[in-house]
Amino acid sequence: MRMAQQTFNKELGAKGEKLALELLKEKGLAILDTNWRYDRKELDIIARDGDLLVVVEVKARTWECYEEPADAMTDGKIRNILEATEAYMFEKNIDCGVRFDLVSVTFFEDRYEVEHIADAFGPFAE
């Protein structure tokens, strides 16, 4: 059962990322990388929006899930994204402003909803 759930989650995530990519391209963002890995951390989508580097986290859920996709953005997840972004910028020799976006995808029985939240999270002072 556990393996079936993991497979389902991976397939759901892949569908969500595909829909997110389509939406971001429609909005004029230039996609640089997808599923970029640093250590055990991953950046779902990395894009350019004018002079900004845009790091996009994609959260996909089914309608039965008790949690909104955006609620899955924990402090630990944000720290991992920030660390991986720093590594990406260092590796690619990028020196520019960064925006952190979230695309949430909710799948219903016969449709889906995609929401793009620009500047959804970031390195906030505590």
C-alpha atoms as a PDB file:
ATOM      1  CA  MET A   1       0.000   0.000   0.000  1.00  0.00           C
ATOM      2  CA  ARG A   2       2.772   2.414   0.899  1.00  0.00           C
ATOM      3  CA  MET A   3       4.526   1.947  -2.463  1.00  0.00           C
ATOM      4  CA  ALA A   4       1.257   2.563  -4.306  1.00  0.00           C
ATOM      5  CA  GLN A   5       0.746   5.815  -2.342  1.00  0.00           C
ATOM      6  CA  GLN A   6       4.303   6.965  -3.137  1.00  0.00           C
ATOM      7  CA  THR A   7       3.754   6.242  -6.832  1.00  0.00           C
ATOM      8  CA  PHE A   8       0.436   8.107  -6.749  1.00  0.00           C
ATOM      9  CA  ASN A   9       2.067  11.100  -5.017  1.00  0.00           C
ATOM     10  CA  LYS A  10       4.900  11.225  -7.577  1.00  0.00           C
ATOM     11  CA  GLU A  11       2.435  11.076 -10.480  1.00  0.00           C
ATOM     12  CA  LEU A  12       0.270  13.766  -8.889  1.00  0.00           C
ATOM     13  CA  GLY A  13       3.341  15.955  -8.346  1.00  0.00           C
ATOM     14  CA  ALA A  14       4.489  15.481 -11.944  1.00  0.00           C
ATOM     15  CA  LYS A  15       1.030  16.462 -13.245  1.00  0.00           C
ATOM     16  CA  GLY A  16       1.045  19.510 -10.980  1.00  0.00           C
ATOM     17  CA  GLU A  17       4.487  20.589 -12.163  1.00  0.00           C
ATOM     18  CA  LYS A  18       3.466  20.208 -15.807  1.00  0.00           C
ATOM     19  CA  LEU A  19       0.419  22.430 -15.257  1.00  0.00           C
ATOM     20  CA  ALA A  20       2.545  24.940 -13.329  1.00  0.00           C
ATOM     21  CA  LEU A  21       5.064  25.106 -16.185  1.00  0.00           C
ATOM     22  CA  GLU A  22       2.284  25.762 -18.702  1.00  0.00           C
ATOM     23  CA  LEU A  23       0.870  28.568 -16.551  1.00  0.00           C
ATOM     24  CA  LEU A  24       4.240  30.204 -15.955  1.00  0.00           C
ATOM     25  CA  LYS A  25       5.082  30.107 -19.669  1.00  0.00           C
ATOM     26  CA  GLU A  26       1.686  31.664 -20.471  1.00  0.00           C
ATOM     27  CA  LYS A  27       2.564  34.457 -18.042  1.00  0.00           C
ATOM     28  CA  GLY A  28       5.802  35.093 -19.926  1.00  0.00           C
ATOM     29  CA  LEU A  29       8.343  33.575 -17.554  1.00  0.00           C
ATOM     30  CA  ALA A  30      11.385  31.964 -19.155  1.00  0.00           C
ATOM     31  CA  ILE A  31      11.973  28.505 -17.677  1.00  0.00           C
ATOM     32  CA  LEU A  32      15.647  27.875 -16.836  1.00  0.00           C
ATOM     33  CA  ASP A  33      15.528  24.571 -14.950  1.00  0.00           C
ATOM     34  CA  THR A  34      13.158  22.076 -13.416  1.00  0.00           C
ATOM     35  CA  ASN A  35      13.695  19.652 -10.560  1.00  0.00           C
ATOM     36  CA  TRP A  36      17.178  21.010  -9.848  1.00  0.00           C
ATOM     37  CA  ARG A  37      18.831  19.147  -6.993  1.00  0.00           C
ATOM     38  CA  TYR A  38      21.313  20.247  -4.372  1.00  0.00           C
ATOM     39  CA  ASP A  39      22.195  17.605  -1.830  1.00  0.00           C
ATOM     40  CA  ARG A  40      18.772  16.279  -0.751  1.00  0.00           C
ATOM     41  CA  LYS A  41      17.010  19.510  -1.588  1.00  0.00           C
ATOM     42  CA  GLU A  42      15.138  20.244  -4.793  1.00  0.00           C
ATOM     43  CA  LEU A  43      13.932  23.343  -6.573  1.00  0.00           C
ATOM     44  CA  ASP A  44      10.805  22.506  -8.572  1.00  0.00           C
ATOM     45  CA  ILE A  45      10.992  25.281 -11.166  1.00  0.00           C
ATOM     46  CA  ILE A  46      13.557  28.006 -11.743  1.00  0.00           C
ATOM     47  CA  ALA A  47      12.626  30.778 -14.134  1.00  0.00           C
ATOM     48  CA  ARG A  48      13.379  34.342 -15.176  1.00  0.00           C
ATOM     49  CA  ASP A  49      10.879  37.160 -14.998  1.00  0.00           C
ATOM     50  CA  GLY A  50      12.637  40.188 -16.424  1.00  0.00           C
ATOM     51  CA  ASP A  51      15.665  40.854 -14.226  1.00  0.00           C
ATOM     52  CA  LEU A  52      14.458  38.544 -11.451  1.00  0.00           C
ATOM     53  CA  LEU A  53      15.307  34.940 -10.832  1.00  0.00           C
ATOM     54  CA  VAL A  54      12.068  33.220  -9.830  1.00  0.00           C
ATOM     55  CA  VAL A  55      12.123  30.054  -7.750  1.00  0.00           C
ATOM     56  CA  VAL A  56       8.764  28.290  -7.844  1.00  0.00           C
ATOM     57  CA  GLU A  57       7.585  25.657  -5.406  1.00  0.00           C
ATOM     58  CA  VAL A  58       4.740  23.522  -6.741  1.00  0.00           C
ATOM     59  CA  LYS A  59       2.254  21.953  -4.337  1.00  0.00           C
ATOM     60  CA  ALA A  60      -0.300  19.538  -5.753  1.00  0.00           C
ATOM     61  CA  ARG A  61      -3.161  17.948  -3.827  1.00  0.00           C
ATOM     62  CA  THR A  62      -6.380  16.136  -4.475  1.00  0.00           C
ATOM     63  CA  TRP A  63      -9.631  17.721  -3.398  1.00  0.00           C
ATOM     64  CA  GLU A  64     -10.061  15.174  -0.596  1.00  0.00           C
ATOM     65  CA  CYS A  65      -6.921  16.339   1.151  1.00  0.00           C
ATOM     66  CA  TYR A  66      -7.579  18.192   4.389  1.00  0.00           C
ATOM     67  CA  GLU A  67      -4.645  20.521   3.770  1.00  0.00           C
ATOM     68  CA  GLU A  68      -4.520  23.386   1.316  1.00  0.00           C
ATOM     69  CA  PRO A  69      -1.435  23.077  -0.918  1.00  0.00           C
ATOM     70  CA  ALA A  70      -0.024  26.368   0.370  1.00  0.00           C
ATOM     71  CA  ASP A  71      -0.255  25.116   3.967  1.00  0.00           C
ATOM     72  CA  ALA A  72       2.470  22.575   3.200  1.00  0.00           C
ATOM     73  CA  MET A  73       5.054  25.380   3.104  1.00  0.00           C
ATOM     74  CA  THR A  74       6.724  24.798   6.459  1.00  0.00           C
ATOM     75  CA  ASP A  75       9.623  26.794   7.854  1.00  0.00           C
ATOM     76  CA  GLY A  76      11.906  23.811   7.199  1.00  0.00           C
ATOM     77  CA  LYS A  77      10.795  23.573   3.565  1.00  0.00           C
ATOM     78  CA  ILE A  78      11.411  27.289   3.088  1.00  0.00           C
ATOM     79  CA  ARG A  79      14.903  26.993   4.634  1.00  0.00           C
ATOM     80  CA  ASN A  80      15.706  24.137   2.232  1.00  0.00           C
ATOM     81  CA  ILE A  81      14.525  26.180  -0.752  1.00  0.00           C
ATOM     82  CA  LEU A  82      16.600  29.178   0.330  1.00  0.00           C
ATOM     83  CA  GLU A  83      19.703  27.033   0.767  1.00  0.00           C
ATOM     84  CA  ALA A  84      19.236  25.328  -2.604  1.00  0.00           C
ATOM     85  CA  THR A  85      18.617  28.700  -4.288  1.00  0.00           C
ATOM     86  CA  GLU A  86      21.872  30.047  -2.904  1.00  0.00           C
ATOM     87  CA  ALA A  87      23.701  26.962  -4.235  1.00  0.00           C
ATOM     88  CA  TYR A  88      22.009  27.321  -7.646  1.00  0.00           C
ATOM     89  CA  MET A  89      22.972  30.982  -7.939  1.00  0.00           C
ATOM     90  CA  PHE A  90      26.550  30.193  -6.931  1.00  0.00           C
ATOM     91  CA  GLU A  91      26.847  27.284  -9.380  1.00  0.00           C
ATOM     92  CA  LYS A  92      25.340  29.249 -12.274  1.00  0.00           C
ATOM     93  CA  ASN A  93      27.143  32.498 -11.354  1.00  0.00           C
ATOM     94  CA  ILE A  94      23.866  34.426 -11.085  1.00  0.00           C
ATOM     95  CA  ASP A  95      23.798  37.773  -9.306  1.00  0.00           C
ATOM     96  CA  CYS A  96      20.323  39.307  -9.327  1.00  0.00           C
ATOM     97  CA  GLY A  97      17.195  39.706  -7.269  1.00  0.00           C
ATOM     98  CA  VAL A  98      15.173  36.622  -6.409  1.00  0.00           C
ATOM     99  CA  ARG A  99      11.453  36.115  -6.013  1.00  0.00           C
ATOM    100  CA  PHE A 100       9.946  33.014  -4.424  1.00  0.00           C
ATOM    101  CA  ASP A 101       6.608  31.945  -5.871  1.00  0.00           C
ATOM    102  CA  LEU A 102       4.172  29.172  -5.120  1.00  0.00           C
ATOM    103  CA  VAL A 103       1.939  27.383  -7.586  1.00  0.00           C
ATOM    104  CA  SER A 104      -0.765  25.324  -5.952  1.00  0.00           C
ATOM    105  CA  VAL A 105      -2.661  22.757  -7.965  1.00  0.00           C
ATOM    106  CA  THR A 106      -5.795  21.113  -6.623  1.00  0.00           C
ATOM    107  CA  PHE A 107      -7.192  18.163  -8.543  1.00  0.00           C
ATOM    108  CA  PHE A 108     -10.902  17.459  -8.368  1.00  0.00           C
ATOM    109  CA  GLU A 109     -12.688  14.449  -9.853  1.00  0.00           C
ATOM    110  CA  ASP A 110     -13.148  16.010 -13.295  1.00  0.00           C
ATOM    111  CA  ARG A 111     -11.174  19.250 -13.217  1.00  0.00           C
ATOM    112  CA  TYR A 112      -8.299  21.049 -11.564  1.00  0.00           C
ATOM    113  CA  GLU A 113      -7.516  24.512 -10.225  1.00  0.00           C
ATOM    114  CA  VAL A 114      -4.118  26.181 -10.540  1.00  0.00           C
ATOM    115  CA  GLU A 115      -3.188  29.221  -8.481  1.00  0.00           C
ATOM    116  CA  HIS A 116       0.040  31.202  -8.899  1.00  0.00           C
ATOM    117  CA  ILE A 117       1.089  33.224  -5.869  1.00  0.00           C
ATOM    118  CA  ALA A 118       3.981  35.544  -6.705  1.00  0.00           C
ATOM    119  CA  ASP A 119       6.297  36.493  -3.845  1.00  0.00           C
ATOM    120  CA  ALA A 120       4.654  33.847  -1.657  1.00  0.00           C
ATOM    121  CA  PHE A 121       7.548  33.341   0.748  1.00  0.00           C
ATOM    122  CA  GLY A 122      11.143  34.294   1.298  1.00  0.00           C
ATOM    123  CA  PRO A 123      13.959  35.016   3.720  1.00  0.00           C
ATOM    124  CA  PHE A 124      11.911  36.922   6.261  1.00  0.00           C
ATOM    125  CA  ALA A 125      13.424  38.435   9.378  1.00  0.00           C
ATOM    126  CA  GLU A 126      12.148  36.902  12.588  1.00  0.00           C
END
